Amino acid sequence: MTSHIEQQVQARIEAARVRVQAAKRRREELSAARKRGLAARHAAKLRHLRGAEDHAAMDQPPPTVTETVTADPGQEGEA
């Protein structure tokens, strides 16, 4: 039989273990989200650079933010 004090100590140890596991899981989730965000930003940058290269090849300036936002879908190059 364990004493009341030993039971409390064991409960505290288990609670600490749960907190550590939760913190580790949170860090892993944030790391995964960070990696996904970085990959998405990189892909967007490459799309932007590719679009700028395409416009330069056609001797056209790239569209401005206003032209891109106000143009109808599929009509960015016609604004």
C-alpha atoms as a PDB file:
ATOM      1  CA  MET A   1       0.000   0.000   0.000  1.00  0.00           C
ATOM      2  CA  THR A   2       1.283   3.451  -0.892  1.00  0.00           C
ATOM      3  CA  SER A   3       0.898   6.414   1.352  1.00  0.00           C
ATOM      4  CA  HIS A   4      -1.161   9.471   0.568  1.00  0.00           C
ATOM      5  CA  ILE A   5       2.012  11.500   0.033  1.00  0.00           C
ATOM      6  CA  GLU A   6       3.423   8.965  -2.425  1.00  0.00           C
ATOM      7  CA  GLN A   7       0.147   9.024  -4.357  1.00  0.00           C
ATOM      8  CA  GLN A   8       0.308  12.816  -4.585  1.00  0.00           C
ATOM      9  CA  VAL A   9       3.920  12.700  -5.777  1.00  0.00           C
ATOM     10  CA  GLN A  10       3.036  10.122  -8.418  1.00  0.00           C
ATOM     11  CA  ALA A  11       0.082  12.252  -9.556  1.00  0.00           C
ATOM     12  CA  ARG A  12       2.353  15.300  -9.878  1.00  0.00           C
ATOM     13  CA  ILE A  13       4.944  13.304 -11.827  1.00  0.00           C
ATOM     14  CA  GLU A  14       2.267  12.032 -14.217  1.00  0.00           C
ATOM     15  CA  ALA A  15       0.845  15.551 -14.647  1.00  0.00           C
ATOM     16  CA  ALA A  16       4.325  16.858 -15.467  1.00  0.00           C
ATOM     17  CA  ARG A  17       4.826  14.035 -17.985  1.00  0.00           C
ATOM     18  CA  VAL A  18       1.518  14.936 -19.672  1.00  0.00           C
ATOM     19  CA  ARG A  19       2.514  18.635 -19.834  1.00  0.00           C
ATOM     20  CA  VAL A  20       5.890  17.770 -21.381  1.00  0.00           C
ATOM     21  CA  GLN A  21       4.260  15.513 -23.986  1.00  0.00           C
ATOM     22  CA  ALA A  22       1.685  18.212 -24.829  1.00  0.00           C
ATOM     23  CA  ALA A  23       4.421  20.827 -25.230  1.00  0.00           C
ATOM     24  CA  LYS A  24       6.413  18.484 -27.486  1.00  0.00           C
ATOM     25  CA  ARG A  25       3.344  17.769 -29.621  1.00  0.00           C
ATOM     26  CA  ARG A  26       2.626  21.538 -29.857  1.00  0.00           C
ATOM     27  CA  ARG A  27       6.204  22.239 -30.971  1.00  0.00           C
ATOM     28  CA  GLU A  28       5.988  19.506 -33.613  1.00  0.00           C
ATOM     29  CA  GLU A  29       2.689  20.906 -34.930  1.00  0.00           C
ATOM     30  CA  LEU A  30       4.093  24.439 -35.081  1.00  0.00           C
ATOM     31  CA  SER A  31       7.213  23.180 -36.835  1.00  0.00           C
ATOM     32  CA  ALA A  32       5.124  21.361 -39.433  1.00  0.00           C
ATOM     33  CA  ALA A  33       2.961  24.455 -39.987  1.00  0.00           C
ATOM     34  CA  ARG A  34       6.079  26.598 -40.309  1.00  0.00           C
ATOM     35  CA  LYS A  35       7.510  24.237 -42.928  1.00  0.00           C
ATOM     36  CA  ARG A  36       4.226  24.239 -44.893  1.00  0.00           C
ATOM     37  CA  GLY A  37       4.127  28.044 -44.761  1.00  0.00           C
ATOM     38  CA  LEU A  38       7.713  28.318 -45.929  1.00  0.00           C
ATOM     39  CA  ALA A  39       7.055  25.940 -48.819  1.00  0.00           C
ATOM     40  CA  ALA A  40       3.945  27.898 -49.807  1.00  0.00           C
ATOM     41  CA  ARG A  41       5.827  31.216 -49.693  1.00  0.00           C
ATOM     42  CA  HIS A  42       8.624  29.740 -51.780  1.00  0.00           C
ATOM     43  CA  ALA A  43       6.153  28.397 -54.356  1.00  0.00           C
ATOM     44  CA  ALA A  44       4.408  31.792 -54.524  1.00  0.00           C
ATOM     45  CA  LYS A  45       7.756  33.506 -55.031  1.00  0.00           C
ATOM     46  CA  LEU A  46       8.636  31.140 -57.865  1.00  0.00           C
ATOM     47  CA  ARG A  47       5.218  31.719 -59.485  1.00  0.00           C
ATOM     48  CA  HIS A  48       5.756  35.471 -59.207  1.00  0.00           C
ATOM     49  CA  LEU A  49       9.237  35.261 -60.701  1.00  0.00           C
ATOM     50  CA  ARG A  50       7.980  33.037 -63.503  1.00  0.00           C
ATOM     51  CA  GLY A  51       5.184  35.532 -64.248  1.00  0.00           C
ATOM     52  CA  ALA A  52       7.683  38.392 -64.315  1.00  0.00           C
ATOM     53  CA  GLU A  53       9.915  36.412 -66.698  1.00  0.00           C
ATOM     54  CA  ASP A  54       6.945  35.686 -68.972  1.00  0.00           C
ATOM     55  CA  HIS A  55       6.007  39.369 -69.088  1.00  0.00           C
ATOM     56  CA  ALA A  56       9.598  40.380 -69.745  1.00  0.00           C
ATOM     57  CA  ALA A  57       9.800  37.866 -72.593  1.00  0.00           C
ATOM     58  CA  MET A  58       6.714  39.467 -74.156  1.00  0.00           C
ATOM     59  CA  ASP A  59       8.154  42.974 -73.654  1.00  0.00           C
ATOM     60  CA  GLN A  60       5.271  43.838 -71.306  1.00  0.00           C
ATOM     61  CA  PRO A  61       5.591  45.229 -67.812  1.00  0.00           C
ATOM     62  CA  PRO A  62       4.257  42.882 -65.121  1.00  0.00           C
ATOM     63  CA  PRO A  63       0.745  43.750 -63.915  1.00  0.00           C
ATOM     64  CA  THR A  64       0.484  45.995 -60.888  1.00  0.00           C
ATOM     65  CA  VAL A  65      -1.242  44.896 -57.718  1.00  0.00           C
ATOM     66  CA  THR A  66      -4.252  47.077 -58.594  1.00  0.00           C
ATOM     67  CA  GLU A  67      -4.563  45.508 -62.038  1.00  0.00           C
ATOM     68  CA  THR A  68      -4.330  42.026 -60.586  1.00  0.00           C
ATOM     69  CA  VAL A  69      -6.884  42.680 -57.828  1.00  0.00           C
ATOM     70  CA  THR A  70      -9.445  44.524 -59.973  1.00  0.00           C
ATOM     71  CA  ALA A  71      -9.224  42.317 -63.086  1.00  0.00           C
ATOM     72  CA  ASP A  72     -11.759  39.593 -63.705  1.00  0.00           C
ATOM     73  CA  PRO A  73     -10.454  36.046 -63.120  1.00  0.00           C
ATOM     74  CA  GLY A  74      -8.422  34.879 -66.076  1.00  0.00           C
ATOM     75  CA  GLN A  75      -8.007  38.418 -67.419  1.00  0.00           C
ATOM     76  CA  GLU A  76      -4.961  39.653 -65.494  1.00  0.00           C
ATOM     77  CA  GLY A  77      -2.939  40.178 -68.690  1.00  0.00           C
ATOM     78  CA  GLU A  78      -5.675  42.202 -70.395  1.00  0.00           C
ATOM     79  CA  ALA A  79      -6.015  44.978 -67.789  1.00  0.00           C
END
